[in-house]
Amino acid sequence: MSTPLYLSDTQMAQRPGIIDLGLGHPDPTLLPAAAIQQASAEVFRRFGHEPLNYGWATGPGLLTNILRQRISQREGRMPTAGEIMITGGISHALDHLVTLCTQPGDVVLVESPTYHLGVRILRDRPVQLVPLPTDAEGPQIDILQSTLDQLKQLGQRPRLLYAVPTFNNPTGASWSLERRRAMIEIAERENILIVEDDAYRELAYDAPAPPSLWSLAPAGVVARLGSFSKSLAPGLRIGWLTAHADLIRQHMQSGLLDSGGGVNQFTASVVGSYLDSSSHSHDAQVAHFVETYRSRRDALLQALAHYLPECTWDVPHGGFFVWVTLPAGISNRALMPRAEAHGVAFVPGHKSFLDQNDACHIRLAFTLYSPEQLVEGVRRLSQAIQSIDINSPNTGMGRVI
């Protein structure tokens, strides 16, 4: 028998003996498998063979109509039928947006730090990426303005700005309302399309999430990417785009959808059936995620305070991650092999910056593991940090590069 070309049926490959706090994945035991199975059967009962055919470009009406109502109830703005479409998750939508809205050599502004795998998608296109530094409130407006002025002197104008303004990946931070309004005003004036990655909106642990940029902005300024990957199940690969009707129409008329029809037609029908069911509550499922992940966040934060008081961090009020600043003299690159040797892993902060120069941050995820495993992971991380001699003249293992 030939050896298969794959190692696993899922993207997540947990290594024996390693508590991998770099994995931004949900706990699979929390995913509503029975309810999704029931919704799948209901699709066939209600719609027969139709969901197995090529779908309408913007997705099945059942799902888009329910989404329009949910968005209206939660954000105070209802997208029209022409302002929403179903996507294959945020990654698919981001890739398609960059394909349709940029030409080779165009400038794309990128919030910094940012989602490192989002940057990989942007780099699949021949565009020029320019970082936009952030502080605790969001993008630094003075730096943005000076960047725009410099680009104008070079005869360049940014086409897009990619950002995760609510429960940011990796930092967990959210833009302030003042900074949101300022960014929208500048984007409208400069004719820049803000691409709002809104993956974590429903996972708010301490207070409601701040308003989306899309809900605050005039039509055409923001293209918002939503997803069921965090609030339902990532394997469904179902998300949505809310944007100006002209941009939705551009998507509909693209070769991708002309060739294949609506994205994930059957799965989108299942998600619509799931949301429409009276036998279970999606809101209750989201509340279950929130309650569980809040307790895990708190366990991780308590473990950091106990085992790593020399580190600093901000409390994330939503999302999946804690952004940790390492002690002076400890490099995230130097720490990685030491951490692995002690049975723990993380995402080094340099991956979240375009220039890859950050040395003092690490990203820790708290959604996959139990509170007990999270505590043990932080204990191992503490041991790894303590094993580094920052004064060693021989290896330079602890020196910030």
Protein backbone atom coordinates (compact mmCIF):
# COMPACT_ATOMS: atom_id res chain seq x y z
CA MET A 1 0.00 0.00 0.00
CA SER A 2 1.35 3.43 -0.95
CA THR A 3 2.00 6.03 1.74
CA PRO A 4 -0.65 8.78 1.76
CA LEU A 5 0.49 12.29 0.90
CA TYR A 6 -1.24 13.75 3.94
CA LEU A 7 -0.47 13.40 7.64
CA SER A 8 -3.85 14.42 9.01
CA ASP A 9 -7.40 15.18 7.92
CA THR A 10 -7.27 18.51 9.74
CA GLN A 11 -4.93 21.48 9.59
CA MET A 12 -4.16 21.20 13.29
CA ALA A 13 -1.32 18.80 14.00
CA GLN A 14 -0.79 18.51 17.73
CA ARG A 15 2.63 17.13 18.58
CA PRO A 16 2.99 14.64 21.42
CA GLY A 17 4.34 16.24 24.55
CA ILE A 18 3.89 19.83 23.29
CA ILE A 19 1.29 22.27 24.60
CA ASP A 20 1.08 24.44 21.50
CA LEU A 21 -0.18 27.85 22.59
CA GLY A 22 0.43 29.07 19.06
CA LEU A 23 -2.63 27.25 17.70
CA GLY A 24 -5.50 29.68 17.16
CA HIS A 25 -8.07 26.89 16.96
CA PRO A 26 -11.32 26.19 18.75
CA ASP A 27 -11.67 23.25 21.08
CA PRO A 28 -13.26 20.62 18.79
CA THR A 29 -15.27 19.20 21.68
CA LEU A 30 -17.21 22.49 21.84
CA LEU A 31 -18.35 22.39 18.21
CA PRO A 32 -22.10 21.65 17.74
CA ALA A 33 -21.77 18.49 15.65
CA ALA A 34 -25.23 17.10 16.44
CA ALA A 35 -26.99 20.36 15.59
CA ILE A 36 -25.11 20.66 12.30
CA GLN A 37 -25.94 17.05 11.46
CA GLN A 38 -29.60 17.79 12.13
CA ALA A 39 -29.42 20.92 9.97
CA SER A 40 -27.93 18.89 7.11
CA ALA A 41 -30.87 16.49 7.17
CA GLU A 42 -33.27 19.42 7.31
CA VAL A 43 -31.73 20.89 4.14
CA PHE A 44 -32.69 17.80 2.16
CA ARG A 45 -36.16 17.73 3.68
CA ARG A 46 -36.84 21.38 2.82
CA PHE A 47 -34.98 21.85 -0.46
CA GLY A 48 -34.46 18.41 -1.96
CA HIS A 49 -31.63 18.21 -4.46
CA GLU A 50 -31.27 21.95 -5.09
CA PRO A 51 -28.49 22.63 -2.54
CA LEU A 52 -26.33 20.06 -4.39
CA ASN A 53 -26.47 22.11 -7.59
CA TYR A 54 -24.49 25.21 -8.60
CA GLY A 55 -25.63 28.05 -6.39
CA TRP A 56 -26.57 31.66 -6.92
CA ALA A 57 -23.45 33.84 -6.86
CA THR A 58 -24.22 35.64 -3.59
CA GLY A 59 -25.28 32.49 -1.74
CA PRO A 60 -28.58 30.87 -0.73
CA GLY A 61 -31.33 33.32 0.12
CA LEU A 62 -32.17 31.61 3.41
CA LEU A 63 -28.70 32.32 4.80
CA THR A 64 -28.27 35.83 3.41
CA ASN A 65 -31.70 36.91 4.65
CA ILE A 66 -31.04 35.57 8.17
CA LEU A 67 -27.65 37.27 8.20
CA ARG A 68 -29.19 40.57 7.17
CA GLN A 69 -31.60 40.37 10.10
CA ARG A 70 -28.86 39.37 12.59
CA ILE A 71 -26.58 42.18 11.43
CA SER A 72 -29.43 44.69 11.71
CA GLN A 73 -30.30 43.58 15.24
CA ARG A 74 -26.70 43.65 16.46
CA GLU A 75 -25.24 46.59 14.56
CA GLY A 76 -28.16 48.88 13.82
CA ARG A 77 -27.58 48.79 10.08
CA MET A 78 -29.13 46.26 7.72
CA PRO A 79 -27.30 45.49 4.51
CA THR A 80 -29.58 45.48 1.50
CA ALA A 81 -29.91 42.28 -0.48
CA GLY A 82 -27.34 43.70 -2.88
CA GLU A 83 -24.81 44.54 -0.15
CA ILE A 84 -24.09 41.04 1.18
CA MET A 85 -22.74 37.79 -0.18
CA ILE A 86 -21.58 34.46 1.19
CA THR A 87 -17.88 33.66 1.06
CA GLY A 88 -15.69 30.66 1.76
CA GLY A 89 -14.55 32.19 5.03
CA ILE A 90 -12.48 35.34 5.52
CA SER A 91 -9.35 34.00 3.82
CA HIS A 92 -11.22 33.32 0.59
CA ALA A 93 -12.92 36.71 0.68
CA LEU A 94 -9.66 38.57 1.37
CA ASP A 95 -7.91 36.82 -1.50
CA HIS A 96 -10.78 37.59 -3.88
CA LEU A 97 -10.96 41.23 -2.79
CA VAL A 98 -7.25 41.78 -3.42
CA THR A 99 -7.57 40.08 -6.79
CA LEU A 100 -10.46 42.28 -7.89
CA CYS A 101 -9.44 45.60 -6.32
CA THR A 102 -5.71 45.87 -7.02
CA GLN A 103 -3.31 45.90 -9.93
CA PRO A 104 0.35 44.80 -9.82
CA GLY A 105 2.41 47.37 -7.93
CA ASP A 106 -0.52 48.90 -6.04
CA VAL A 107 0.01 49.93 -2.42
CA VAL A 108 -1.87 48.13 0.36
CA LEU A 109 -1.66 49.54 3.87
CA VAL A 110 -1.48 46.91 6.63
CA GLU A 111 -2.24 47.49 10.31
CA SER A 112 0.86 46.63 12.34
CA PRO A 113 1.00 44.28 14.17
CA THR A 114 -1.49 42.20 12.24
CA TYR A 115 -2.73 38.70 11.44
CA HIS A 116 0.37 37.04 10.04
CA LEU A 117 -1.49 34.62 7.77
CA GLY A 118 -3.54 37.49 6.35
CA VAL A 119 -0.20 38.97 5.27
CA ARG A 120 0.61 35.70 3.50
CA ILE A 121 -2.58 36.08 1.45
CA LEU A 122 -1.70 39.67 0.56
CA ARG A 123 1.80 38.59 -0.48
CA ASP A 124 0.33 36.10 -2.93
CA ARG A 125 -0.45 39.16 -5.07
CA PRO A 126 2.17 41.51 -6.63
CA VAL A 127 1.26 44.45 -4.41
CA GLN A 128 3.42 46.70 -2.24
CA LEU A 129 2.66 46.31 1.47
CA VAL A 130 3.18 49.33 3.74
CA PRO A 131 2.82 49.00 7.54
CA LEU A 132 0.55 51.28 9.56
CA PRO A 133 1.73 51.31 13.20
CA THR A 134 -0.86 51.14 15.98
CA ASP A 135 -1.01 52.08 19.63
CA ALA A 136 -3.51 51.16 22.35
CA GLU A 137 -6.26 53.14 20.58
CA GLY A 138 -5.66 51.89 17.05
CA PRO A 139 -3.76 53.20 14.00
CA GLN A 140 -1.57 56.22 14.66
CA ILE A 141 -3.27 58.92 12.62
CA ASP A 142 -0.24 61.23 12.37
CA ILE A 143 1.90 58.42 10.97
CA LEU A 144 -0.87 57.47 8.54
CA GLN A 145 -1.08 61.04 7.27
CA SER A 146 2.67 61.36 6.83
CA THR A 147 2.73 57.99 5.05
CA LEU A 148 0.02 59.13 2.66
CA ASP A 149 1.93 62.36 1.99
CA GLN A 150 5.11 60.43 1.23
CA LEU A 151 3.27 58.07 -1.11
CA LYS A 152 1.69 61.02 -2.95
CA GLN A 153 5.14 62.49 -3.52
CA LEU A 154 6.04 59.21 -5.19
CA GLY A 155 2.90 59.30 -7.30
CA GLN A 156 1.30 56.43 -5.39
CA ARG A 157 -2.05 56.07 -3.65
CA PRO A 158 -3.07 53.15 -1.44
CA ARG A 159 -5.91 51.07 -2.83
CA LEU A 160 -6.71 49.08 0.32
CA LEU A 161 -6.13 49.10 4.06
CA TYR A 162 -6.26 45.70 5.75
CA ALA A 163 -7.04 45.68 9.49
CA VAL A 164 -8.46 43.61 12.34
CA PRO A 165 -9.93 46.48 14.41
CA THR A 166 -12.01 44.41 16.84
CA PHE A 167 -10.20 41.95 19.16
CA ASN A 168 -7.13 42.11 16.99
CA ASN A 169 -5.07 39.09 16.05
CA PRO A 170 -2.44 39.03 17.60
CA THR A 171 -2.90 41.70 20.29
CA GLY A 172 -6.55 41.24 21.33
CA ALA A 173 -6.95 45.04 21.29
CA SER A 174 -9.80 47.02 19.73
CA TRP A 175 -9.70 50.42 18.09
CA SER A 176 -11.33 53.22 20.06
CA LEU A 177 -14.48 54.80 18.66
CA GLU A 178 -12.63 58.05 18.05
CA ARG A 179 -9.91 56.26 16.08
CA ARG A 180 -12.53 54.32 14.09
CA ARG A 181 -14.24 57.51 13.00
CA ALA A 182 -10.93 59.18 12.14
CA MET A 183 -9.85 56.24 9.98
CA ILE A 184 -13.17 56.18 8.16
CA GLU A 185 -12.95 59.92 7.48
CA ILE A 186 -9.43 59.62 6.05
CA ALA A 187 -10.32 56.54 3.98
CA GLU A 188 -13.33 58.31 2.48
CA ARG A 189 -11.31 61.42 1.69
CA GLU A 190 -8.40 59.49 0.18
CA ASN A 191 -10.57 56.94 -1.64
CA ILE A 192 -9.03 53.98 0.22
CA LEU A 193 -11.13 50.84 0.71
CA ILE A 194 -10.83 49.58 4.30
CA VAL A 195 -10.90 45.78 4.41
CA GLU A 196 -12.23 45.01 7.89
CA ASP A 197 -11.39 41.51 9.11
CA ASP A 198 -14.17 41.03 11.68
CA ALA A 199 -13.58 37.39 12.61
CA TYR A 200 -13.92 37.74 16.40
CA ARG A 201 -16.90 40.09 16.79
CA GLU A 202 -19.17 37.62 18.57
CA LEU A 203 -16.51 36.48 21.05
CA ALA A 204 -16.76 39.45 23.43
CA TYR A 205 -16.00 38.49 27.03
CA ASP A 206 -16.49 41.58 29.18
CA ALA A 207 -18.72 43.98 27.24
CA PRO A 208 -20.33 44.16 23.80
CA ALA A 209 -17.92 44.52 20.91
CA PRO A 210 -17.42 48.06 19.59
CA PRO A 211 -19.32 48.96 16.42
CA SER A 212 -17.88 47.61 13.20
CA LEU A 213 -16.24 50.05 10.84
CA TRP A 214 -18.76 48.94 8.22
CA SER A 215 -21.72 49.95 10.41
CA LEU A 216 -20.21 53.42 11.01
CA ALA A 217 -18.99 54.23 7.51
CA PRO A 218 -20.72 55.66 4.44
CA ALA A 219 -21.43 53.06 1.78
CA GLY A 220 -18.36 52.11 -0.21
CA VAL A 221 -15.70 52.99 2.38
CA VAL A 222 -15.51 49.61 4.15
CA ALA A 223 -15.68 46.02 2.96
CA ARG A 224 -16.34 43.95 6.08
CA LEU A 225 -15.38 40.26 6.23
CA GLY A 226 -17.40 38.15 8.66
CA SER A 227 -17.05 34.48 9.49
CA PHE A 228 -18.69 31.50 11.16
CA SER A 229 -15.26 29.95 11.80
CA LYS A 230 -15.09 31.33 15.35
CA SER A 231 -18.79 31.41 16.26
CA LEU A 232 -19.81 28.03 14.77
CA ALA A 233 -17.14 25.79 13.19
CA PRO A 234 -14.10 26.54 11.00
CA GLY A 235 -14.45 23.40 8.87
CA LEU A 236 -17.64 24.77 7.36
CA ARG A 237 -15.57 27.46 5.55
CA ILE A 238 -18.52 29.84 5.49
CA GLY A 239 -18.30 33.60 5.93
CA TRP A 240 -19.80 36.72 4.43
CA LEU A 241 -18.93 40.05 2.90
CA THR A 242 -20.88 43.27 3.52
CA ALA A 243 -19.88 46.00 1.10
CA HIS A 244 -21.18 48.49 -1.44
CA ALA A 245 -23.52 46.93 -3.98
CA ASP A 246 -21.10 47.80 -6.80
CA LEU A 247 -18.34 45.76 -5.14
CA ILE A 248 -20.71 42.84 -4.52
CA ARG A 249 -21.72 43.01 -8.17
CA GLN A 250 -18.05 42.94 -9.17
CA HIS A 251 -17.65 39.75 -7.16
CA MET A 252 -20.75 38.22 -8.71
CA GLN A 253 -19.50 38.91 -12.23
CA SER A 254 -15.99 37.56 -11.60
CA GLY A 255 -14.70 34.50 -13.37
CA LEU A 256 -14.49 32.59 -10.10
CA LEU A 257 -18.23 32.73 -9.44
CA ASP A 258 -19.22 32.61 -13.10
CA SER A 259 -17.38 29.29 -13.29
CA GLY A 260 -18.30 27.74 -9.96
CA GLY A 261 -21.45 29.49 -8.79
CA GLY A 262 -22.04 30.46 -5.19
CA VAL A 263 -19.31 29.48 -2.74
CA ASN A 264 -19.94 26.28 -0.76
CA GLN A 265 -23.58 26.10 -1.82
CA PHE A 266 -24.51 23.01 0.17
CA THR A 267 -22.64 24.03 3.32
CA ALA A 268 -24.10 27.53 3.14
CA SER A 269 -27.57 25.95 2.95
CA VAL A 270 -26.74 23.86 6.02
CA VAL A 271 -25.66 26.95 7.96
CA GLY A 272 -28.86 28.73 6.91
CA SER A 273 -30.90 25.76 8.12
CA TYR A 274 -28.92 25.67 11.37
CA LEU A 275 -29.60 29.36 12.05
CA ASP A 276 -33.27 28.96 11.13
CA SER A 277 -33.89 25.91 13.32
CA SER A 278 -36.23 26.04 16.29
CA SER A 279 -34.69 22.95 17.90
CA HIS A 280 -31.53 24.74 19.02
CA SER A 281 -30.21 28.28 19.44
CA HIS A 282 -27.17 29.68 17.71
CA ASP A 283 -27.09 32.46 20.29
CA ALA A 284 -26.89 29.82 23.02
CA GLN A 285 -24.00 28.15 21.19
CA VAL A 286 -22.14 31.46 20.94
CA ALA A 287 -22.80 32.10 24.64
CA HIS A 288 -21.30 28.67 25.39
CA PHE A 289 -18.15 29.58 23.46
CA VAL A 290 -17.94 32.94 25.24
CA GLU A 291 -18.37 31.43 28.72
CA THR A 292 -15.81 28.69 28.08
CA TYR A 293 -13.22 30.88 26.40
CA ARG A 294 -13.58 33.61 29.03
CA SER A 295 -12.72 31.10 31.76
CA ARG A 296 -9.73 29.89 29.74
CA ARG A 297 -8.54 33.43 29.12
CA ASP A 298 -8.74 34.10 32.84
CA ALA A 299 -6.82 30.91 33.63
CA LEU A 300 -4.06 31.91 31.22
CA LEU A 301 -3.86 35.44 32.64
CA GLN A 302 -3.70 34.13 36.20
CA ALA A 303 -0.94 31.70 35.23
CA LEU A 304 1.03 34.52 33.58
CA ALA A 305 0.72 36.63 36.73
CA HIS A 306 1.91 33.69 38.87
CA TYR A 307 4.70 32.25 36.74
CA LEU A 308 5.83 35.19 34.60
CA PRO A 309 5.40 38.41 36.59
CA GLU A 310 8.43 39.82 34.78
CA CYS A 311 6.43 39.79 31.51
CA THR A 312 3.71 42.31 30.62
CA TRP A 313 0.46 41.98 28.69
CA ASP A 314 -2.89 43.65 28.15
CA VAL A 315 -6.16 41.89 28.98
CA PRO A 316 -7.92 40.93 25.73
CA HIS A 317 -11.66 41.61 25.98
CA GLY A 318 -12.46 39.23 23.14
CA GLY A 319 -10.94 36.95 20.54
CA PHE A 320 -8.45 34.11 20.91
CA PHE A 321 -5.12 35.62 21.99
CA VAL A 322 -2.95 37.26 24.64
CA TRP A 323 -0.04 39.40 23.38
CA VAL A 324 2.86 39.09 25.80
CA THR A 325 5.91 41.32 26.07
CA LEU A 326 8.98 39.33 27.11
CA PRO A 327 11.47 40.50 29.76
CA ALA A 328 14.29 42.77 28.61
CA GLY A 329 17.09 40.81 26.96
CA ILE A 330 14.93 37.83 25.93
CA SER A 331 14.41 37.41 22.19
CA ASN A 332 11.37 35.54 20.90
CA ARG A 333 13.60 33.81 18.33
CA ALA A 334 16.00 32.70 21.05
CA LEU A 335 13.14 31.54 23.22
CA MET A 336 11.48 29.34 20.59
CA PRO A 337 13.86 26.32 20.71
CA ARG A 338 14.11 26.55 24.51
CA ALA A 339 10.33 26.54 24.78
CA GLU A 340 10.04 23.53 22.47
CA ALA A 341 12.59 21.70 24.59
CA HIS A 342 10.41 22.38 27.63
CA GLY A 343 7.24 21.15 25.88
CA VAL A 344 5.49 24.40 24.95
CA ALA A 345 5.14 26.45 21.75
CA PHE A 346 3.90 29.90 20.72
CA VAL A 347 3.76 32.25 17.74
CA PRO A 348 6.72 34.66 17.84
CA GLY A 349 5.80 38.30 17.54
CA HIS A 350 8.04 38.99 14.55
CA LYS A 351 5.60 37.11 12.30
CA SER A 352 3.00 39.82 12.88
CA PHE A 353 5.15 42.64 11.47
CA LEU A 354 5.95 43.21 7.81
CA ASP A 355 9.63 43.82 8.53
CA GLN A 356 9.88 40.73 10.80
CA ASN A 357 12.03 42.74 13.22
CA ASP A 358 10.00 42.39 16.42
CA ALA A 359 11.93 40.45 19.06
CA CYS A 360 10.10 41.11 22.31
CA HIS A 361 6.55 39.76 21.82
CA ILE A 362 4.88 36.36 21.68
CA ARG A 363 1.27 35.43 20.93
CA LEU A 364 -0.46 32.91 23.19
CA ALA A 365 -3.81 31.32 22.28
CA PHE A 366 -6.20 30.18 25.01
CA THR A 367 -9.14 28.57 23.17
CA LEU A 368 -7.90 25.06 22.39
CA TYR A 369 -6.71 23.78 25.78
CA SER A 370 -8.33 23.27 29.16
CA PRO A 371 -7.52 25.70 31.99
CA GLU A 372 -5.24 23.08 33.56
CA GLN A 373 -3.30 22.63 30.32
CA LEU A 374 -2.99 26.38 29.89
CA VAL A 375 -1.51 26.73 33.37
CA GLU A 376 0.93 23.93 32.67
CA GLY A 377 1.90 25.54 29.37
CA VAL A 378 2.72 28.84 31.07
CA ARG A 379 4.70 26.98 33.75
CA ARG A 380 6.79 25.36 31.03
CA LEU A 381 7.23 28.70 29.31
CA SER A 382 8.51 30.17 32.56
CA GLN A 383 11.05 27.37 32.85
CA ALA A 384 12.18 28.01 29.28
CA ILE A 385 12.70 31.72 29.96
CA GLN A 386 14.60 30.99 33.16
CA SER A 387 16.90 28.64 31.24
CA ILE A 388 18.25 31.51 29.13
CA ASP A 389 21.36 33.26 30.42
CA ILE A 390 21.03 36.76 29.02
CA ASN A 391 24.60 37.52 30.09
CA SER A 392 26.17 34.61 28.26
CA PRO A 393 28.96 35.84 25.93
CA ASN A 394 29.07 32.57 24.03
CA THR A 395 25.69 31.77 22.55
CA GLY A 396 23.89 35.10 22.49
CA MET A 397 20.75 33.05 23.14
CA GLY A 398 19.12 35.73 25.23
CA ARG A 399 20.15 38.76 23.30
CA VAL A 400 17.60 40.79 21.39
CA ILE A 401 18.66 40.85 17.77
